[in-house]
Amino acid sequence: MVVVSQRSCPECGSSIIEDQSSGEYFCSSCGYVAMEHIPTLLPESIAREPEERLKSSRSGGHTSYAYHDLGISTEISYANKDFTGKSICSGMVEQIASIRRWHNRLRACSSRDRRLRNVLIKINEICSILSLPSIVCETSSLLYRNFENKSGAKGRSVACMAAASVYLACKRCSIVRSMDEIVEAANCVQSKKLVYRYYRMLAIEQGSDSIGIDAQTQADKKHEQHVQLTLDRYISKLSNLSRVDTRVEKLAIDIARKVEDEDHNAMIDGKAPNGLAAAYIYIAAMLLGIKILQHDISTVSKVTEVTIRNRCREILNNYRIRLLLKSAQ
């Protein structure tokens, strides 16, 4: 946006033009820059595309809980070049390297800051390996920060603590990821029991604030909705991995929701969701007459064939499935 000002140029006396996009006052005749770096009250960006908005942005990046300093720290580049692009002399290179090294040390001067940085780095690594969305990374980082502020995590395993935080964040965000996948990405397969222990600690710490009858009732309703949503996602995931017909996936989800309408808490308590999802898929495939092996589903869902048969037996013994056949015309 360009606005013509009434002031005159000190060199030639011509009119001065104000360029609000660059924050400068310059002469319309000779191009003399009278003033620069003028603050503006215009909106930062009117672009709709994210790329255009980043190009026209006048501020720094957004803050993030995934970094121990919230992502607002200063970084010293490793390019060893000045702002004009010229190479820096060898003596100055050594001095800058020393400044960079001390700068990295002072960013996490206490043991708590170093522990927080290590855990958050591990959380980012796990989320990157599993291709999890950014909301999971932010949620897991916030969960660990809350746990660190309330209870303290001194002396605990960094990898196991990060894996437990990511697993709880996946539960909160309704992202279907098993503990085996997260533990394998965190490279702590041998410490799986410790990860479960940390997960229980995080879950208890996060749920300790919800007290009272009304809060407990709302928590139970949210838990039931979360269980059904998680079960639907497990069915979709296993259907895609086993490459079954979409009709099987649709019927399996329909049967699971019909069972959800009944009082089935006694049947699902203590049951793994992947085992229930595999049973629903197998039942739906049998009803549609589509041949599918229990071995294939067990391989994809990572449960045994005995578990699938037991879940199928419990579903068929507790509920009746009525088939309505339509006559072909």
Protein backbone atom coordinates (compact mmCIF):
# COMPACT_ATOMS: atom_id res chain seq x y z
CA MET A 1 0.00 0.00 0.00
CA VAL A 2 1.44 3.37 -1.04
CA VAL A 3 0.19 6.69 0.41
CA VAL A 4 1.31 10.15 -0.78
CA SER A 5 2.47 12.43 2.05
CA GLN A 6 2.32 16.26 2.10
CA ARG A 7 5.92 16.60 3.23
CA SER A 8 8.62 17.51 0.72
CA CYS A 9 11.98 15.96 -0.08
CA PRO A 10 14.95 17.70 1.67
CA GLU A 11 17.10 17.22 -1.47
CA CYS A 12 14.92 18.30 -4.42
CA GLY A 13 11.74 19.54 -2.75
CA SER A 14 9.48 16.95 -4.42
CA SER A 15 6.70 15.14 -2.63
CA ILE A 16 7.44 12.26 -0.24
CA ILE A 17 5.76 8.87 -0.68
CA GLU A 18 5.10 6.56 2.23
CA ASP A 19 5.44 2.86 1.45
CA GLN A 20 3.73 1.05 4.32
CA SER A 21 4.64 -2.42 3.00
CA SER A 22 8.38 -1.75 3.45
CA GLY A 23 8.11 0.93 6.17
CA GLU A 24 9.95 3.70 4.26
CA TYR A 25 9.48 7.36 3.25
CA PHE A 26 11.15 8.11 -0.11
CA CYS A 27 11.11 10.89 -2.69
CA SER A 28 8.86 10.47 -5.72
CA SER A 29 11.39 12.23 -7.97
CA CYS A 30 14.98 11.42 -6.97
CA GLY A 31 14.28 8.32 -4.80
CA TYR A 32 15.90 9.74 -1.66
CA VAL A 33 14.92 7.68 1.40
CA ALA A 34 13.92 10.18 4.05
CA MET A 35 12.98 7.67 6.76
CA GLU A 36 13.05 3.88 7.10
CA HIS A 37 11.90 1.17 9.52
CA ILE A 38 8.62 2.97 10.12
CA PRO A 39 6.23 0.98 12.38
CA THR A 40 2.81 0.21 10.92
CA LEU A 41 -0.54 -0.65 12.47
CA LEU A 42 -1.79 -2.60 9.46
CA PRO A 43 -2.69 -6.31 9.90
CA GLU A 44 0.29 -8.62 9.64
CA SER A 45 -1.02 -10.68 6.76
CA ILE A 46 -4.18 -11.07 4.72
CA ALA A 47 -2.96 -14.17 2.90
CA ARG A 48 -5.06 -17.32 3.06
CA GLU A 49 -2.43 -19.87 2.05
CA PRO A 50 0.06 -20.98 4.72
CA GLU A 51 3.05 -20.46 2.41
CA GLU A 52 2.06 -16.88 1.60
CA ARG A 53 1.38 -16.17 5.26
CA LEU A 54 4.86 -17.37 6.24
CA LYS A 55 6.49 -15.25 3.54
CA SER A 56 4.68 -12.07 4.63
CA SER A 57 5.03 -12.72 8.36
CA ARG A 58 6.85 -10.01 10.35
CA SER A 59 7.27 -11.98 13.58
CA GLY A 60 9.11 -15.09 14.65
CA GLY A 61 7.81 -18.64 14.90
CA HIS A 62 5.11 -19.78 17.28
CA THR A 63 5.88 -21.18 20.70
CA SER A 64 5.80 -24.92 21.22
CA TYR A 65 5.77 -27.16 24.30
CA ALA A 66 7.87 -29.67 22.38
CA TYR A 67 11.01 -27.57 23.07
CA HIS A 68 12.36 -27.03 26.55
CA ASP A 69 12.67 -23.26 25.92
CA LEU A 70 9.28 -23.15 24.10
CA GLY A 71 11.09 -22.57 20.80
CA ILE A 72 11.91 -18.89 21.41
CA SER A 73 15.65 -19.18 22.03
CA THR A 74 18.46 -17.73 19.92
CA GLU A 75 20.40 -20.03 17.62
CA ILE A 76 23.97 -19.37 16.42
CA SER A 77 24.45 -20.60 12.88
CA TYR A 78 27.16 -23.06 11.83
CA ALA A 79 27.69 -21.37 8.45
CA ASN A 80 30.72 -19.31 9.69
CA LYS A 81 29.77 -16.45 7.37
CA ASP A 82 28.73 -12.89 8.10
CA PHE A 83 25.48 -11.23 7.03
CA THR A 84 26.97 -10.24 3.66
CA GLY A 85 27.92 -13.85 2.82
CA LYS A 86 31.69 -13.37 3.22
CA SER A 87 33.74 -16.01 5.05
CA ILE A 88 34.90 -15.20 8.56
CA CYS A 89 38.59 -15.34 9.42
CA SER A 90 39.96 -18.38 11.24
CA GLY A 91 40.50 -16.54 14.54
CA MET A 92 36.91 -15.34 14.60
CA VAL A 93 35.69 -18.84 13.66
CA GLU A 94 37.26 -20.30 16.80
CA GLN A 95 35.81 -17.54 18.93
CA ILE A 96 32.31 -18.03 17.48
CA ALA A 97 32.59 -21.80 18.01
CA SER A 98 33.46 -21.21 21.67
CA ILE A 99 30.52 -18.79 22.04
CA ARG A 100 28.21 -21.31 20.37
CA ARG A 101 29.37 -24.08 22.70
CA TRP A 102 28.83 -22.02 25.84
CA HIS A 103 25.52 -20.81 24.50
CA ASN A 104 24.28 -24.41 24.18
CA ARG A 105 25.50 -25.19 27.69
CA LEU A 106 23.83 -22.17 29.28
CA ARG A 107 20.49 -22.92 27.62
CA ALA A 108 20.07 -25.84 30.05
CA CYS A 109 22.19 -24.93 33.05
CA SER A 110 20.34 -26.94 35.72
CA SER A 111 19.83 -30.70 35.92
CA ARG A 112 16.05 -30.26 35.61
CA ASP A 113 16.43 -28.29 32.37
CA ARG A 114 18.80 -30.88 30.94
CA ARG A 115 16.43 -33.71 31.86
CA LEU A 116 13.49 -31.84 30.34
CA ARG A 117 15.45 -31.20 27.15
CA ASN A 118 16.49 -34.86 26.82
CA VAL A 119 12.93 -36.15 27.33
CA LEU A 120 11.45 -33.66 24.86
CA ILE A 121 14.10 -34.55 22.27
CA LYS A 122 13.15 -38.21 22.70
CA ILE A 123 9.44 -37.39 22.37
CA ASN A 124 10.09 -35.55 19.11
CA GLU A 125 12.15 -38.50 17.87
CA ILE A 126 9.38 -41.03 18.63
CA CYS A 127 6.71 -38.87 16.98
CA SER A 128 8.92 -38.44 13.91
CA ILE A 129 9.57 -42.18 13.56
CA LEU A 130 5.86 -43.05 13.90
CA SER A 131 4.74 -40.10 11.71
CA LEU A 132 2.39 -38.88 14.43
CA PRO A 133 0.61 -35.52 14.03
CA SER A 134 1.96 -32.45 15.78
CA ILE A 135 -0.95 -32.43 18.25
CA VAL A 136 0.34 -35.70 19.72
CA CYS A 137 3.83 -34.26 20.14
CA GLU A 138 2.46 -31.12 21.81
CA THR A 139 0.12 -33.10 24.07
CA SER A 140 2.79 -35.55 25.19
CA SER A 141 5.20 -32.70 25.91
CA LEU A 142 2.57 -30.89 27.98
CA LEU A 143 1.73 -34.08 29.88
CA TYR A 144 5.36 -34.59 30.80
CA ARG A 145 5.78 -30.95 31.81
CA ASN A 146 2.80 -31.21 34.17
CA PHE A 147 4.15 -34.42 35.65
CA GLU A 148 7.59 -32.85 36.08
CA ASN A 149 6.13 -29.83 37.88
CA LYS A 150 3.92 -31.86 40.24
CA SER A 151 5.81 -35.04 41.04
CA GLY A 152 9.26 -34.74 39.54
CA ALA A 153 10.93 -37.24 37.24
CA LYS A 154 14.43 -37.30 38.72
CA GLY A 155 16.15 -40.65 38.34
CA ARG A 156 13.67 -42.05 35.82
CA SER A 157 14.56 -43.45 32.41
CA VAL A 158 14.42 -40.82 29.67
CA ALA A 159 13.36 -43.20 26.89
CA CYS A 160 10.71 -44.95 28.99
CA MET A 161 9.30 -41.66 30.26
CA ALA A 162 9.06 -40.30 26.72
CA ALA A 163 7.40 -43.50 25.46
CA ALA A 164 4.83 -43.40 28.29
CA SER A 165 4.03 -39.74 27.55
CA VAL A 166 3.55 -40.43 23.83
CA TYR A 167 1.33 -43.46 24.57
CA LEU A 168 -0.89 -41.43 26.91
CA ALA A 169 -1.05 -38.60 24.36
CA CYS A 170 -2.17 -41.05 21.68
CA LYS A 171 -4.93 -42.18 24.03
CA ARG A 172 -6.01 -38.59 24.63
CA CYS A 173 -5.97 -37.69 20.92
CA SER A 174 -7.68 -40.96 19.84
CA ILE A 175 -4.69 -42.00 17.75
CA VAL A 176 -4.46 -45.77 17.32
CA ARG A 177 -0.91 -46.75 18.23
CA SER A 178 -0.03 -49.80 20.30
CA MET A 179 2.49 -49.87 23.10
CA ASP A 180 4.66 -52.26 21.09
CA GLU A 181 4.99 -49.75 18.24
CA ILE A 182 5.89 -46.89 20.59
CA VAL A 183 8.35 -48.97 22.62
CA GLU A 184 10.04 -50.17 19.44
CA ALA A 185 10.33 -46.58 18.17
CA ALA A 186 11.79 -45.50 21.53
CA ASN A 187 14.30 -48.39 21.41
CA CYS A 188 13.37 -49.62 24.89
CA VAL A 189 11.79 -52.99 24.15
CA GLN A 190 13.56 -54.57 27.10
CA SER A 191 11.98 -52.03 29.48
CA LYS A 192 8.36 -52.46 28.40
CA LYS A 193 7.15 -53.14 31.95
CA LEU A 194 8.81 -49.94 33.12
CA VAL A 195 7.02 -48.00 30.37
CA TYR A 196 3.68 -49.40 31.57
CA ARG A 197 4.57 -48.36 35.10
CA TYR A 198 5.36 -44.80 34.03
CA TYR A 199 2.18 -44.73 31.94
CA ARG A 200 0.07 -45.61 35.00
CA MET A 201 1.84 -42.92 36.99
CA LEU A 202 1.12 -40.31 34.32
CA ALA A 203 -2.52 -41.39 33.99
CA ILE A 204 -3.09 -41.28 37.75
CA GLU A 205 -1.37 -37.90 38.04
CA GLN A 206 -3.45 -36.41 35.22
CA GLY A 207 -6.71 -37.86 36.58
CA SER A 208 -6.17 -36.88 40.21
CA ASP A 209 -7.68 -33.43 39.70
CA SER A 210 -11.13 -34.79 38.70
CA ILE A 211 -13.01 -35.19 42.00
CA GLY A 212 -16.68 -35.14 42.86
CA ILE A 213 -19.73 -37.05 41.68
CA ASP A 214 -20.46 -34.82 38.69
CA ALA A 215 -16.85 -34.91 37.56
CA GLN A 216 -16.78 -38.69 37.90
CA THR A 217 -20.00 -39.05 35.90
CA GLN A 218 -18.65 -36.85 33.12
CA ALA A 219 -15.39 -38.79 33.16
CA ASP A 220 -17.28 -42.10 32.79
CA LYS A 221 -19.25 -40.74 29.81
CA LYS A 222 -16.07 -39.48 28.16
CA HIS A 223 -14.44 -42.85 28.80
CA GLU A 224 -17.30 -44.71 27.09
CA GLN A 225 -17.19 -42.38 24.09
CA HIS A 226 -13.41 -42.75 23.93
CA VAL A 227 -13.64 -46.55 24.07
CA GLN A 228 -16.12 -46.68 21.18
CA LEU A 229 -14.13 -44.19 19.10
CA THR A 230 -10.93 -46.13 19.74
CA LEU A 231 -12.62 -49.41 18.80
CA ASP A 232 -13.87 -47.93 15.52
CA ARG A 233 -10.39 -46.71 14.70
CA TYR A 234 -8.90 -50.12 15.51
CA ILE A 235 -11.42 -51.78 13.19
CA SER A 236 -10.55 -49.36 10.40
CA LYS A 237 -6.83 -49.83 10.97
CA LEU A 238 -6.99 -53.64 10.98
CA SER A 239 -9.26 -53.63 7.93
CA ASN A 240 -6.80 -51.51 5.99
CA LEU A 241 -3.82 -53.64 7.04
CA SER A 242 -5.55 -56.92 6.21
CA ARG A 243 -6.95 -55.46 2.94
CA VAL A 244 -10.46 -56.82 3.41
CA ASP A 245 -13.53 -55.62 1.60
CA THR A 246 -14.96 -52.29 2.70
CA ARG A 247 -18.28 -54.02 3.35
CA VAL A 248 -16.60 -56.04 6.09
CA GLU A 249 -15.25 -52.90 7.74
CA LYS A 250 -18.64 -51.18 7.58
CA LEU A 251 -20.51 -54.17 9.00
CA ALA A 252 -17.93 -54.68 11.76
CA ILE A 253 -18.26 -51.06 12.87
CA ASP A 254 -22.06 -51.37 12.72
CA ILE A 255 -22.02 -54.48 14.92
CA ALA A 256 -19.63 -52.81 17.39
CA ARG A 257 -21.92 -49.78 17.69
CA LYS A 258 -25.00 -51.95 18.14
CA VAL A 259 -23.21 -53.77 20.93
CA GLU A 260 -22.24 -50.39 22.37
CA ASP A 261 -25.92 -49.53 22.83
CA GLU A 262 -26.25 -52.43 25.28
CA ASP A 263 -24.70 -52.77 28.72
CA HIS A 264 -21.47 -54.46 27.70
CA ASN A 265 -19.02 -52.95 30.17
CA ALA A 266 -18.50 -56.35 31.79
CA MET A 267 -17.48 -57.80 28.45
CA ILE A 268 -14.97 -55.10 27.42
CA ASP A 269 -13.37 -54.50 30.83
CA GLY A 270 -9.82 -55.75 30.74
CA LYS A 271 -10.04 -56.71 27.06
CA ALA A 272 -7.54 -55.42 24.53
CA PRO A 273 -9.22 -53.26 21.85
CA ASN A 274 -7.26 -54.90 19.04
CA GLY A 275 -8.60 -58.33 20.06
CA LEU A 276 -12.19 -57.07 20.07
CA ALA A 277 -11.69 -55.32 16.71
CA ALA A 278 -10.26 -58.51 15.20
CA ALA A 279 -13.27 -60.49 16.48
CA TYR A 280 -15.74 -57.99 14.98
CA ILE A 281 -13.94 -58.15 11.62
CA TYR A 282 -13.97 -61.96 11.63
CA ILE A 283 -17.68 -62.10 12.52
CA ALA A 284 -18.55 -59.55 9.82
CA ALA A 285 -16.54 -61.48 7.22
CA MET A 286 -18.31 -64.74 8.11
CA LEU A 287 -21.74 -63.08 7.88
CA LEU A 288 -20.95 -61.66 4.45
CA GLY A 289 -19.56 -64.96 3.21
CA ILE A 290 -16.08 -63.56 2.64
CA LYS A 291 -13.27 -66.02 3.29
CA ILE A 292 -10.75 -64.77 5.80
CA LEU A 293 -8.34 -66.70 8.00
CA GLN A 294 -7.94 -66.18 11.72
CA HIS A 295 -4.20 -66.48 11.24
CA ASP A 296 -4.17 -63.44 8.93
CA ILE A 297 -6.14 -61.29 11.37
CA SER A 298 -4.04 -62.43 14.33
CA THR A 299 -0.85 -61.53 12.47
CA VAL A 300 -2.11 -58.03 11.71
CA SER A 301 -3.68 -57.37 15.12
CA LYS A 302 -0.77 -59.00 17.01
CA VAL A 303 -3.07 -61.19 19.13
CA THR A 304 -3.30 -64.97 19.16
CA GLU A 305 -5.93 -66.96 17.31
CA VAL A 306 -7.21 -68.24 20.68
CA THR A 307 -7.92 -64.64 21.72
CA ILE A 308 -9.94 -64.01 18.56
CA ARG A 309 -11.98 -67.20 19.10
CA ASN A 310 -12.63 -66.29 22.74
CA ARG A 311 -13.80 -62.78 21.84
CA CYS A 312 -16.05 -64.15 19.09
CA ARG A 313 -17.53 -66.68 21.50
CA GLU A 314 -18.24 -63.98 24.11
CA ILE A 315 -19.92 -61.70 21.56
CA LEU A 316 -22.08 -64.48 20.06
CA ASN A 317 -23.07 -65.87 23.49
CA ASN A 318 -24.14 -62.51 24.92
CA TYR A 319 -25.87 -61.02 21.87
CA ARG A 320 -28.15 -62.25 19.14
CA ILE A 321 -27.47 -61.35 15.52
CA ARG A 322 -30.56 -61.31 13.33
CA LEU A 323 -30.12 -61.35 9.57
CA LEU A 324 -32.69 -59.78 7.28
CA LEU A 325 -32.47 -61.14 3.74
CA LYS A 326 -33.85 -59.11 0.86
CA SER A 327 -35.34 -60.96 -2.09
CA ALA A 328 -33.64 -60.28 -5.40
CA GLN A 329 -35.89 -58.61 -7.94
